[in-house]
């Protein structure tokens, strides 16, 4: 019963309007661009590999993207720091030849638990991060 209530509230939440309101308060244009791109492409996943600097993930989470943020790290301190952030899930790094292969392997290993009927589970937004400066330096949408 509780699961059904949670699913209904999740489906009725207008994440786009929350994003539009919150982006006025945030000065991180890289995070705004990434979350905006996830809305426009209707991605269900945002992939980000990090080692130590997790503040960008917190800024992405604060903008309430509809997509799940999948952080790939082998640093347990990063996973602990991100455990209470909205829509953020930590995974061990997946070594793959390409981003498309990484997405395919992720869907095989973790299944389609991060997808719903309205968004494409086969599409992910990959963000590359400059760890020293703490910002996103490239974005790429990958479709399987």
Foldseek 3Di string as FASTA:
>chain_A
DVVVVVVVVLVPDDLVVLLVVCVVVDPFVQLNVLLVVCVVQLEQEEEEEDEPQCVSVLVNLNSPRNHAYEYAYPDVVSCVVCVPGHRYDYDHDDDDPDPLVVLVVCCVVVNQPSDDDPGDSQKYKYFYADHVVRGTDDIDIDGD
